[in-house]
Amino acid sequence: MGILRARILAYVTNQGGNSVSVIDTRTNVEIARINVGTLPTGLAITPNQRRLYVSNTGDGTISIIDTLTNTEIFPRINLGTPPAGLAVTPDGTRLYVTNPALNRVSVIDVNTNSVTGVTIPVGMNANSIVISPDGTRAYVANAGNNNVTVLNLTTNSVITTIPVGNAPAVAAVNPSLPRVYVTNVGDDNISVISTASNSVIGSPIPVGNAPIAAFFTSDGARAYVTNSQDNNLSVINTANNTEIPPRIPVGNLPFTLAFTPNGTRAYVVLQGENAVSIVNILTNTELPGRIPVGVAPLSIIIVRVPNR
């Protein structure tokens, strides 16, 4: 009997179509489109890669997708307020959800898929959350307050709030260095936070126009930044926090991206084209052929799905 290889699938939220596209990264073809709630926004995967959570901003729910069958598991989790950013703890026990309308973060029990009732106050327009690799802290970008809230996930409390640039969109944790990068959409730059001191270090890193998010390679040596209004990606050398030219042209309105597990390709969501672009990370060039997805794609995550 031959060895069954895991499938590497990319999942994309389509806000305009209330669906999630599933792309097979071997063929670069959409193989399924899963109906979810209204205005699907964020994505988070459990450590075993079996359950995918989708925040439905339009109806105050979270959908759960079984990645083995690519079907939704019901019932949906009802938050009663619009969810946005999602992050699962490394031990797979809790799901943290930003609630921008209420300036707070909610906590979901992953074992029971139920709302715990625990909420943590954060800033205004908190649309994204990221958890540190050790699971002890979370970082929430508050676009309405120009700051980042640092959370203690052991006590579910606020540690501190760190001022950054104008309209911070997404915070990202470097997997190898004690650093958090925050994209400042209004300033066209990136703030760098030391996780040791919980303070901004150095000068902001200039990037392109309206950067949405920064994404680190697995070794943390480089960060790729989606410059939404320039239709390209900036590449940052994290050793000295300088941009590596040239920028990588992609399609219209790049929003988010995700790397394949082997780190050779990045899949970039093009919100302005209802498509996904593929970038060769070894050469920093876009590969021919963009993948059509649903209307107004937003978030993407790449999952190593075990074979049944």
C-alpha atoms as a PDB file:
ATOM      1  CA  MET A   1       0.000   0.000   0.000  1.00  0.00           C
ATOM      2  CA  GLY A   2       1.348   3.430  -0.928  1.00  0.00           C
ATOM      3  CA  ILE A   3       1.870   6.223   1.538  1.00  0.00           C
ATOM      4  CA  LEU A   4      -1.050   8.639   1.734  1.00  0.00           C
ATOM      5  CA  ARG A   5       0.173  12.200   1.661  1.00  0.00           C
ATOM      6  CA  ALA A   6      -1.548  15.033   3.444  1.00  0.00           C
ATOM      7  CA  ARG A   7      -3.368  17.536   1.279  1.00  0.00           C
ATOM      8  CA  ILE A   8      -2.195  21.155   1.384  1.00  0.00           C
ATOM      9  CA  LEU A   9      -5.322  23.283   1.028  1.00  0.00           C
ATOM     10  CA  ALA A  10      -5.789  27.040   1.045  1.00  0.00           C
ATOM     11  CA  TYR A  11      -9.013  28.449   2.508  1.00  0.00           C
ATOM     12  CA  VAL A  12     -10.201  31.940   1.530  1.00  0.00           C
ATOM     13  CA  THR A  13     -13.105  33.912   3.019  1.00  0.00           C
ATOM     14  CA  ASN A  14     -15.344  35.505   0.374  1.00  0.00           C
ATOM     15  CA  GLN A  15     -17.174  38.361   2.068  1.00  0.00           C
ATOM     16  CA  GLY A  16     -19.342  39.151  -0.939  1.00  0.00           C
ATOM     17  CA  GLY A  17     -20.452  35.567  -1.398  1.00  0.00           C
ATOM     18  CA  ASN A  18     -20.852  34.427   2.228  1.00  0.00           C
ATOM     19  CA  SER A  19     -18.600  31.505   1.462  1.00  0.00           C
ATOM     20  CA  VAL A  20     -15.140  30.007   1.854  1.00  0.00           C
ATOM     21  CA  SER A  21     -13.177  28.914  -1.214  1.00  0.00           C
ATOM     22  CA  VAL A  22     -10.978  25.820  -0.952  1.00  0.00           C
ATOM     23  CA  ILE A  23      -7.896  25.694  -3.194  1.00  0.00           C
ATOM     24  CA  ASP A  24      -5.805  22.575  -3.782  1.00  0.00           C
ATOM     25  CA  THR A  25      -2.240  23.914  -3.823  1.00  0.00           C
ATOM     26  CA  ARG A  26      -1.029  20.951  -5.917  1.00  0.00           C
ATOM     27  CA  THR A  27      -3.223  21.931  -8.851  1.00  0.00           C
ATOM     28  CA  ASN A  28      -3.934  25.561  -7.921  1.00  0.00           C
ATOM     29  CA  VAL A  29      -7.616  25.021  -8.623  1.00  0.00           C
ATOM     30  CA  GLU A  30     -10.614  25.849  -6.425  1.00  0.00           C
ATOM     31  CA  ILE A  31     -12.020  22.439  -5.484  1.00  0.00           C
ATOM     32  CA  ALA A  32     -14.897  23.513  -3.245  1.00  0.00           C
ATOM     33  CA  ARG A  33     -16.866  26.517  -2.086  1.00  0.00           C
ATOM     34  CA  ILE A  34     -18.425  26.204   1.356  1.00  0.00           C
ATOM     35  CA  ASN A  35     -21.401  28.332   2.370  1.00  0.00           C
ATOM     36  CA  VAL A  36     -20.978  29.952   5.782  1.00  0.00           C
ATOM     37  CA  GLY A  37     -22.548  32.910   7.583  1.00  0.00           C
ATOM     38  CA  THR A  38     -22.881  36.522   6.490  1.00  0.00           C
ATOM     39  CA  LEU A  39     -19.734  38.528   5.678  1.00  0.00           C
ATOM     40  CA  PRO A  40     -17.093  35.910   6.595  1.00  0.00           C
ATOM     41  CA  THR A  41     -13.931  37.680   7.706  1.00  0.00           C
ATOM     42  CA  GLY A  42     -11.292  35.936   9.836  1.00  0.00           C
ATOM     43  CA  LEU A  43      -9.916  32.396   9.900  1.00  0.00           C
ATOM     44  CA  ALA A  44      -8.226  30.238  12.536  1.00  0.00           C
ATOM     45  CA  ILE A  45      -7.229  26.571  12.518  1.00  0.00           C
ATOM     46  CA  THR A  46      -6.858  24.118  15.400  1.00  0.00           C
ATOM     47  CA  PRO A  47      -3.361  22.665  15.937  1.00  0.00           C
ATOM     48  CA  ASN A  48      -4.430  19.260  14.588  1.00  0.00           C
ATOM     49  CA  GLN A  49      -5.621  21.029  11.383  1.00  0.00           C
ATOM     50  CA  ARG A  50      -9.037  19.382  11.651  1.00  0.00           C
ATOM     51  CA  ARG A  51     -11.324  22.301  12.477  1.00  0.00           C
ATOM     52  CA  LEU A  52     -11.364  25.671  10.776  1.00  0.00           C
ATOM     53  CA  TYR A  53     -13.137  28.595  12.446  1.00  0.00           C
ATOM     54  CA  VAL A  54     -14.665  31.395  10.365  1.00  0.00           C
ATOM     55  CA  SER A  55     -15.867  34.692  11.840  1.00  0.00           C
ATOM     56  CA  ASN A  56     -19.147  35.806  10.268  1.00  0.00           C
ATOM     57  CA  THR A  57     -19.105  39.539  10.872  1.00  0.00           C
ATOM     58  CA  GLY A  58     -22.531  40.138   9.361  1.00  0.00           C
ATOM     59  CA  ASP A  59     -24.571  37.871  11.624  1.00  0.00           C
ATOM     60  CA  GLY A  60     -22.597  37.594  14.870  1.00  0.00           C
ATOM     61  CA  THR A  61     -21.683  33.924  14.505  1.00  0.00           C
ATOM     62  CA  ILE A  62     -18.665  31.682  13.984  1.00  0.00           C
ATOM     63  CA  SER A  63     -18.810  28.825  11.488  1.00  0.00           C
ATOM     64  CA  ILE A  64     -16.839  25.616  12.021  1.00  0.00           C
ATOM     65  CA  ILE A  65     -15.544  23.702   8.999  1.00  0.00           C
ATOM     66  CA  ASP A  66     -14.442  20.070   9.073  1.00  0.00           C
ATOM     67  CA  THR A  67     -11.316  20.124   6.889  1.00  0.00           C
ATOM     68  CA  LEU A  68     -11.527  16.387   6.164  1.00  0.00           C
ATOM     69  CA  THR A  69     -14.906  16.728   4.462  1.00  0.00           C
ATOM     70  CA  ASN A  70     -14.935  20.486   3.734  1.00  0.00           C
ATOM     71  CA  THR A  71     -18.387  20.790   5.210  1.00  0.00           C
ATOM     72  CA  GLU A  72     -19.715  23.045   7.935  1.00  0.00           C
ATOM     73  CA  ILE A  73     -20.308  21.590  11.400  1.00  0.00           C
ATOM     74  CA  PHE A  74     -23.501  22.876  12.981  1.00  0.00           C
ATOM     75  CA  PRO A  75     -24.620  24.602  15.102  1.00  0.00           C
ATOM     76  CA  ARG A  76     -22.690  27.800  14.590  1.00  0.00           C
ATOM     77  CA  ILE A  77     -21.284  29.552  17.636  1.00  0.00           C
ATOM     78  CA  ASN A  78     -23.533  32.514  18.388  1.00  0.00           C
ATOM     79  CA  LEU A  79     -21.655  35.472  19.865  1.00  0.00           C
ATOM     80  CA  GLY A  80     -24.499  37.945  19.577  1.00  0.00           C
ATOM     81  CA  THR A  81     -22.062  40.608  18.375  1.00  0.00           C
ATOM     82  CA  PRO A  82     -19.988  40.823  15.181  1.00  0.00           C
ATOM     83  CA  PRO A  83     -16.752  38.805  15.420  1.00  0.00           C
ATOM     84  CA  ALA A  84     -13.670  39.775  13.402  1.00  0.00           C
ATOM     85  CA  GLY A  85     -10.180  38.481  14.224  1.00  0.00           C
ATOM     86  CA  LEU A  86      -9.667  34.904  15.405  1.00  0.00           C
ATOM     87  CA  ALA A  87      -6.772  33.042  17.038  1.00  0.00           C
ATOM     88  CA  VAL A  88      -6.575  29.539  18.541  1.00  0.00           C
ATOM     89  CA  THR A  89      -4.155  28.879  21.415  1.00  0.00           C
ATOM     90  CA  PRO A  90      -1.227  26.543  20.624  1.00  0.00           C
ATOM     91  CA  ASP A  91      -2.678  23.879  22.927  1.00  0.00           C
ATOM     92  CA  GLY A  92      -5.941  23.977  20.989  1.00  0.00           C
ATOM     93  CA  THR A  93      -8.187  24.588  23.986  1.00  0.00           C
ATOM     94  CA  ARG A  94      -9.363  28.167  23.438  1.00  0.00           C
ATOM     95  CA  LEU A  95     -10.394  30.434  20.592  1.00  0.00           C
ATOM     96  CA  TYR A  96      -9.975  34.179  21.099  1.00  0.00           C
ATOM     97  CA  VAL A  97     -12.267  36.466  19.086  1.00  0.00           C
ATOM     98  CA  THR A  98     -12.181  40.228  18.667  1.00  0.00           C
ATOM     99  CA  ASN A  99     -15.537  42.018  18.966  1.00  0.00           C
ATOM    100  CA  PRO A 100     -14.899  45.460  17.398  1.00  0.00           C
ATOM    101  CA  ALA A 101     -18.393  46.791  18.094  1.00  0.00           C
ATOM    102  CA  LEU A 102     -17.955  46.246  21.840  1.00  0.00           C
ATOM    103  CA  ASN A 103     -14.198  46.943  22.131  1.00  0.00           C
ATOM    104  CA  ARG A 104     -13.485  43.560  23.650  1.00  0.00           C
ATOM    105  CA  VAL A 105     -12.173  40.038  23.078  1.00  0.00           C
ATOM    106  CA  SER A 106     -14.337  36.976  23.754  1.00  0.00           C
ATOM    107  CA  VAL A 107     -13.108  33.502  24.696  1.00  0.00           C
ATOM    108  CA  ILE A 108     -14.514  30.288  23.190  1.00  0.00           C
ATOM    109  CA  ASP A 109     -14.022  26.801  24.646  1.00  0.00           C
ATOM    110  CA  VAL A 110     -12.778  24.764  21.677  1.00  0.00           C
ATOM    111  CA  ASN A 111     -13.678  21.424  23.251  1.00  0.00           C
ATOM    112  CA  THR A 112     -17.346  22.348  23.502  1.00  0.00           C
ATOM    113  CA  ASN A 113     -17.478  25.162  20.908  1.00  0.00           C
ATOM    114  CA  SER A 114     -19.272  27.294  23.461  1.00  0.00           C
ATOM    115  CA  VAL A 115     -18.894  30.893  24.597  1.00  0.00           C
ATOM    116  CA  THR A 116     -17.228  30.941  28.014  1.00  0.00           C
ATOM    117  CA  GLY A 117     -18.556  34.319  29.078  1.00  0.00           C
ATOM    118  CA  VAL A 118     -15.021  35.610  29.639  1.00  0.00           C
ATOM    119  CA  THR A 119     -14.417  38.952  27.931  1.00  0.00           C
ATOM    120  CA  ILE A 120     -11.333  41.182  27.923  1.00  0.00           C
ATOM    121  CA  PRO A 121     -11.525  44.930  27.228  1.00  0.00           C
ATOM    122  CA  VAL A 122      -9.393  46.235  24.351  1.00  0.00           C
ATOM    123  CA  GLY A 123      -9.384  49.351  22.159  1.00  0.00           C
ATOM    124  CA  MET A 124     -11.617  50.646  19.393  1.00  0.00           C
ATOM    125  CA  ASN A 125     -11.953  48.857  16.061  1.00  0.00           C
ATOM    126  CA  ALA A 126      -9.983  45.826  17.238  1.00  0.00           C
ATOM    127  CA  ASN A 127     -10.144  43.768  14.064  1.00  0.00           C
ATOM    128  CA  SER A 128      -7.200  41.399  14.507  1.00  0.00           C
ATOM    129  CA  ILE A 129      -5.549  39.268  17.187  1.00  0.00           C
ATOM    130  CA  VAL A 130      -2.420  37.120  17.220  1.00  0.00           C
ATOM    131  CA  ILE A 131      -1.141  34.751  19.923  1.00  0.00           C
ATOM    132  CA  SER A 132       2.515  34.244  20.862  1.00  0.00           C
ATOM    133  CA  PRO A 133       4.047  30.825  20.042  1.00  0.00           C
ATOM    134  CA  ASP A 134       4.133  29.862  23.740  1.00  0.00           C
ATOM    135  CA  GLY A 135       0.453  30.724  24.177  1.00  0.00           C
ATOM    136  CA  THR A 136       0.961  33.121  27.063  1.00  0.00           C
ATOM    137  CA  ARG A 137       0.225  36.421  25.345  1.00  0.00           C
ATOM    138  CA  ALA A 138      -1.948  37.908  22.637  1.00  0.00           C
ATOM    139  CA  TYR A 139      -1.598  41.145  20.706  1.00  0.00           C
ATOM    140  CA  VAL A 140      -4.633  43.093  19.497  1.00  0.00           C
ATOM    141  CA  ALA A 141      -4.329  45.922  16.962  1.00  0.00           C
ATOM    142  CA  ASN A 142      -6.762  48.713  17.797  1.00  0.00           C
ATOM    143  CA  ALA A 143      -7.253  50.734  14.611  1.00  0.00           C
ATOM    144  CA  GLY A 144      -9.442  53.303  16.338  1.00  0.00           C
ATOM    145  CA  ASN A 145      -6.942  54.125  19.091  1.00  0.00           C
ATOM    146  CA  ASN A 146      -3.628  53.793  17.225  1.00  0.00           C
ATOM    147  CA  ASN A 147      -2.329  51.262  19.706  1.00  0.00           C
ATOM    148  CA  VAL A 148      -1.875  47.576  20.503  1.00  0.00           C
ATOM    149  CA  THR A 149      -3.301  45.861  23.567  1.00  0.00           C
ATOM    150  CA  VAL A 150      -1.159  43.105  25.102  1.00  0.00           C
ATOM    151  CA  LEU A 151      -3.137  40.350  26.822  1.00  0.00           C
ATOM    152  CA  ASN A 152      -2.102  37.830  29.477  1.00  0.00           C
ATOM    153  CA  LEU A 153      -3.818  34.620  28.359  1.00  0.00           C
ATOM    154  CA  THR A 154      -3.164  32.863  31.656  1.00  0.00           C
ATOM    155  CA  THR A 155      -5.316  35.348  33.529  1.00  0.00           C
ATOM    156  CA  ASN A 156      -7.279  36.733  30.548  1.00  0.00           C
ATOM    157  CA  SER A 157      -6.345  40.250  31.523  1.00  0.00           C
ATOM    158  CA  VAL A 158      -4.685  43.305  29.971  1.00  0.00           C
ATOM    159  CA  ILE A 159      -0.942  43.645  30.525  1.00  0.00           C
ATOM    160  CA  THR A 160      -0.428  46.989  28.814  1.00  0.00           C
ATOM    161  CA  THR A 161      -1.298  49.137  25.817  1.00  0.00           C
ATOM    162  CA  ILE A 162       1.419  50.196  23.357  1.00  0.00           C
ATOM    163  CA  PRO A 163       1.083  53.305  21.141  1.00  0.00           C
ATOM    164  CA  VAL A 164       1.971  52.636  17.497  1.00  0.00           C
ATOM    165  CA  GLY A 165       1.245  54.427  14.206  1.00  0.00           C
ATOM    166  CA  ASN A 166      -1.904  55.612  12.514  1.00  0.00           C
ATOM    167  CA  ALA A 167      -4.687  53.060  11.968  1.00  0.00           C
ATOM    168  CA  PRO A 168      -2.876  49.835  12.901  1.00  0.00           C
ATOM    169  CA  ALA A 169      -4.463  46.934  11.046  1.00  0.00           C
ATOM    170  CA  VAL A 170      -2.713  43.686  11.957  1.00  0.00           C
ATOM    171  CA  ALA A 171      -0.102  42.562  14.485  1.00  0.00           C
ATOM    172  CA  ALA A 172       2.171  39.625  13.638  1.00  0.00           C
ATOM    173  CA  VAL A 173       4.545  37.730  15.942  1.00  0.00           C
ATOM    174  CA  ASN A 174       7.979  36.808  14.621  1.00  0.00           C
ATOM    175  CA  PRO A 175       8.376  33.043  15.242  1.00  0.00           C
ATOM    176  CA  SER A 176      12.115  33.328  15.928  1.00  0.00           C
ATOM    177  CA  LEU A 177      12.688  36.767  17.424  1.00  0.00           C
ATOM    178  CA  PRO A 178      11.014  38.515  20.385  1.00  0.00           C
ATOM    179  CA  ARG A 179       9.359  40.988  18.047  1.00  0.00           C
ATOM    180  CA  VAL A 180       5.847  41.925  16.935  1.00  0.00           C
ATOM    181  CA  TYR A 181       5.298  43.800  13.672  1.00  0.00           C
ATOM    182  CA  VAL A 182       2.274  46.092  13.345  1.00  0.00           C
ATOM    183  CA  THR A 183       1.117  47.494   9.989  1.00  0.00           C
ATOM    184  CA  ASN A 184       0.116  51.152  10.198  1.00  0.00           C
ATOM    185  CA  VAL A 185      -2.260  51.670   7.268  1.00  0.00           C
ATOM    186  CA  GLY A 186      -2.451  55.426   7.688  1.00  0.00           C
ATOM    187  CA  ASP A 187       1.318  55.959   7.890  1.00  0.00           C
ATOM    188  CA  ASP A 188       2.514  53.488   5.231  1.00  0.00           C
ATOM    189  CA  ASN A 189       4.931  51.889   7.652  1.00  0.00           C
ATOM    190  CA  ILE A 190       5.438  49.167  10.254  1.00  0.00           C
ATOM    191  CA  SER A 191       6.012  49.564  13.978  1.00  0.00           C
ATOM    192  CA  VAL A 192       8.265  47.006  15.658  1.00  0.00           C
ATOM    193  CA  ILE A 193       7.470  46.017  19.228  1.00  0.00           C
ATOM    194  CA  SER A 194       9.878  44.285  21.608  1.00  0.00           C
ATOM    195  CA  THR A 195       7.964  41.586  23.468  1.00  0.00           C
ATOM    196  CA  ALA A 196      10.508  41.792  26.289  1.00  0.00           C
ATOM    197  CA  SER A 197       9.861  45.443  27.061  1.00  0.00           C
ATOM    198  CA  ASN A 198       6.387  45.814  25.503  1.00  0.00           C
ATOM    199  CA  SER A 199       7.520  48.969  23.757  1.00  0.00           C
ATOM    200  CA  VAL A 200       8.172  50.144  20.213  1.00  0.00           C
ATOM    201  CA  ILE A 201      11.840  49.908  19.240  1.00  0.00           C
ATOM    202  CA  GLY A 202      13.651  51.791  16.500  1.00  0.00           C
ATOM    203  CA  SER A 203      12.053  53.875  13.795  1.00  0.00           C
ATOM    204  CA  PRO A 204       9.032  52.648  11.818  1.00  0.00           C
ATOM    205  CA  ILE A 205       9.911  50.655   8.692  1.00  0.00           C
ATOM    206  CA  PRO A 206       8.710  52.436   5.528  1.00  0.00           C
ATOM    207  CA  VAL A 207       6.781  50.188   3.139  1.00  0.00           C
ATOM    208  CA  GLY A 208       4.204  50.756   0.388  1.00  0.00           C
ATOM    209  CA  ASN A 209       0.879  52.528   0.354  1.00  0.00           C
ATOM    210  CA  ALA A 210      -1.745  51.314   2.851  1.00  0.00           C
ATOM    211  CA  PRO A 211      -0.056  48.153   4.174  1.00  0.00           C
ATOM    212  CA  ILE A 212      -2.646  45.698   5.466  1.00  0.00           C
ATOM    213  CA  ALA A 213      -0.627  42.904   7.066  1.00  0.00           C
ATOM    214  CA  ALA A 214       2.877  41.486   7.542  1.00  0.00           C
ATOM    215  CA  PHE A 215       3.526  37.740   7.337  1.00  0.00           C
ATOM    216  CA  PHE A 216       6.718  36.036   8.485  1.00  0.00           C
ATOM    217  CA  THR A 217       8.534  33.182   6.818  1.00  0.00           C
ATOM    218  CA  SER A 218       8.815  30.119   9.070  1.00  0.00           C
ATOM    219  CA  ASP A 219      12.351  31.032  10.155  1.00  0.00           C
ATOM    220  CA  GLY A 220      11.341  34.628  10.883  1.00  0.00           C
ATOM    221  CA  ALA A 221      14.142  35.971   8.656  1.00  0.00           C
ATOM    222  CA  ARG A 222      11.805  37.837   6.313  1.00  0.00           C
ATOM    223  CA  ALA A 223       8.435  39.497   6.514  1.00  0.00           C
ATOM    224  CA  TYR A 224       6.196  39.960   3.474  1.00  0.00           C
ATOM    225  CA  VAL A 225       3.860  42.958   3.580  1.00  0.00           C
ATOM    226  CA  THR A 226       0.736  43.482   1.468  1.00  0.00           C
ATOM    227  CA  ASN A 227       0.727  47.058   0.146  1.00  0.00           C
ATOM    228  CA  SER A 228      -2.937  47.258  -0.768  1.00  0.00           C
ATOM    229  CA  GLN A 229      -2.901  50.503  -2.743  1.00  0.00           C
ATOM    230  CA  ASP A 230       0.355  49.837  -4.598  1.00  0.00           C
ATOM    231  CA  ASN A 231      -0.603  46.346  -5.784  1.00  0.00           C
ATOM    232  CA  ASN A 232       2.666  44.872  -4.573  1.00  0.00           C
ATOM    233  CA  LEU A 233       4.475  43.241  -1.663  1.00  0.00           C
ATOM    234  CA  SER A 234       7.339  44.627   0.398  1.00  0.00           C
ATOM    235  CA  VAL A 235       9.929  42.199   1.751  1.00  0.00           C
ATOM    236  CA  ILE A 236      11.573  43.054   5.069  1.00  0.00           C
ATOM    237  CA  ASN A 237      14.899  41.723   6.328  1.00  0.00           C
ATOM    238  CA  THR A 238      14.102  41.220  10.002  1.00  0.00           C
ATOM    239  CA  ALA A 239      17.762  41.141  11.026  1.00  0.00           C
ATOM    240  CA  ASN A 240      18.096  44.872  10.389  1.00  0.00           C
ATOM    241  CA  ASN A 241      14.466  45.858   9.718  1.00  0.00           C
ATOM    242  CA  THR A 242      15.117  47.212   6.255  1.00  0.00           C
ATOM    243  CA  GLU A 243      13.216  46.587   3.041  1.00  0.00           C
ATOM    244  CA  ILE A 244      14.781  44.292   0.445  1.00  0.00           C
ATOM    245  CA  PRO A 245      14.186  45.757  -3.034  1.00  0.00           C
ATOM    246  CA  PRO A 246      12.536  45.410  -5.430  1.00  0.00           C
ATOM    247  CA  ARG A 247       8.913  45.148  -4.375  1.00  0.00           C
ATOM    248  CA  ILE A 248       6.971  42.241  -5.841  1.00  0.00           C
ATOM    249  CA  PRO A 249       4.172  43.234  -8.246  1.00  0.00           C
ATOM    250  CA  VAL A 250       0.945  41.287  -7.777  1.00  0.00           C
ATOM    251  CA  GLY A 251      -2.650  42.011  -8.722  1.00  0.00           C
ATOM    252  CA  ASN A 252      -5.232  44.536  -7.632  1.00  0.00           C
ATOM    253  CA  LEU A 253      -5.645  45.243  -3.911  1.00  0.00           C
ATOM    254  CA  PRO A 254      -3.509  42.582  -2.193  1.00  0.00           C
ATOM    255  CA  PHE A 255      -4.934  42.076   1.265  1.00  0.00           C
ATOM    256  CA  THR A 256      -3.580  39.026   3.066  1.00  0.00           C
ATOM    257  CA  LEU A 257      -1.306  36.097   2.269  1.00  0.00           C
ATOM    258  CA  ALA A 258      -0.239  32.675   3.530  1.00  0.00           C
ATOM    259  CA  PHE A 259       2.832  30.507   2.982  1.00  0.00           C
ATOM    260  CA  THR A 260       2.885  26.856   1.986  1.00  0.00           C
ATOM    261  CA  PRO A 261       4.351  24.565   4.677  1.00  0.00           C
ATOM    262  CA  ASN A 262       7.600  24.130   2.725  1.00  0.00           C
ATOM    263  CA  GLY A 263       7.976  27.899   2.513  1.00  0.00           C
ATOM    264  CA  THR A 264       8.454  28.057  -1.251  1.00  0.00           C
ATOM    265  CA  ARG A 265       5.230  29.827  -2.225  1.00  0.00           C
ATOM    266  CA  ALA A 266       2.974  32.558  -0.928  1.00  0.00           C
ATOM    267  CA  TYR A 267      -0.693  32.732  -1.847  1.00  0.00           C
ATOM    268  CA  VAL A 268      -1.873  36.349  -1.932  1.00  0.00           C
ATOM    269  CA  VAL A 269      -5.532  37.370  -1.731  1.00  0.00           C
ATOM    270  CA  LEU A 270      -6.363  39.978  -4.370  1.00  0.00           C
ATOM    271  CA  GLN A 271      -9.507  41.630  -3.119  1.00  0.00           C
ATOM    272  CA  GLY A 272      -9.794  43.842  -6.184  1.00  0.00           C
ATOM    273  CA  GLU A 273      -9.753  40.896  -8.599  1.00  0.00           C
ATOM    274  CA  ASN A 274     -11.663  38.185  -6.705  1.00  0.00           C
ATOM    275  CA  ALA A 275      -8.591  36.042  -7.136  1.00  0.00           C
ATOM    276  CA  VAL A 276      -5.493  34.624  -5.470  1.00  0.00           C
ATOM    277  CA  SER A 277      -1.974  35.280  -6.760  1.00  0.00           C
ATOM    278  CA  ILE A 278       0.939  32.879  -6.243  1.00  0.00           C
ATOM    279  CA  VAL A 279       4.440  34.193  -5.499  1.00  0.00           C
ATOM    280  CA  ASN A 280       7.611  32.118  -5.741  1.00  0.00           C
ATOM    281  CA  ILE A 281       9.426  32.930  -2.487  1.00  0.00           C
ATOM    282  CA  LEU A 282      12.750  31.617  -3.799  1.00  0.00           C
ATOM    283  CA  THR A 283      12.795  34.206  -6.607  1.00  0.00           C
ATOM    284  CA  ASN A 284      10.297  36.750  -5.198  1.00  0.00           C
ATOM    285  CA  THR A 285       8.326  36.765  -8.435  1.00  0.00           C
ATOM    286  CA  GLU A 286       4.675  36.167  -9.192  1.00  0.00           C
ATOM    287  CA  LEU A 287       3.946  32.891 -10.950  1.00  0.00           C
ATOM    288  CA  PRO A 288       1.737  32.869 -14.062  1.00  0.00           C
ATOM    289  CA  GLY A 289      -1.963  32.340 -13.567  1.00  0.00           C
ATOM    290  CA  ARG A 290      -4.210  33.709 -10.828  1.00  0.00           C
ATOM    291  CA  ILE A 291      -6.834  31.550  -9.151  1.00  0.00           C
ATOM    292  CA  PRO A 292     -10.445  32.809  -9.290  1.00  0.00           C
ATOM    293  CA  VAL A 293     -12.321  32.681  -5.976  1.00  0.00           C
ATOM    294  CA  GLY A 294     -15.494  34.289  -4.630  1.00  0.00           C
ATOM    295  CA  VAL A 295     -16.536  37.919  -4.400  1.00  0.00           C
ATOM    296  CA  ALA A 296     -14.513  40.258  -2.167  1.00  0.00           C
ATOM    297  CA  PRO A 297     -12.012  37.744  -0.753  1.00  0.00           C
ATOM    298  CA  LEU A 298     -10.398  38.816   2.499  1.00  0.00           C
ATOM    299  CA  SER A 299      -8.483  36.274   4.608  1.00  0.00           C
ATOM    300  CA  ILE A 300      -6.488  33.183   3.699  1.00  0.00           C
ATOM    301  CA  ILE A 301      -5.003  30.281   5.636  1.00  0.00           C
ATOM    302  CA  ILE A 302      -3.100  27.243   4.363  1.00  0.00           C
ATOM    303  CA  VAL A 303      -3.807  23.947   6.098  1.00  0.00           C
ATOM    304  CA  ARG A 304      -2.068  20.571   6.001  1.00  0.00           C
ATOM    305  CA  VAL A 305      -5.140  18.334   5.990  1.00  0.00           C
ATOM    306  CA  PRO A 306      -4.582  14.708   7.052  1.00  0.00           C
ATOM    307  CA  ASN A 307      -5.839  12.078   4.613  1.00  0.00           C
ATOM    308  CA  ARG A 308      -8.839  10.079   5.733  1.00  0.00           C
END
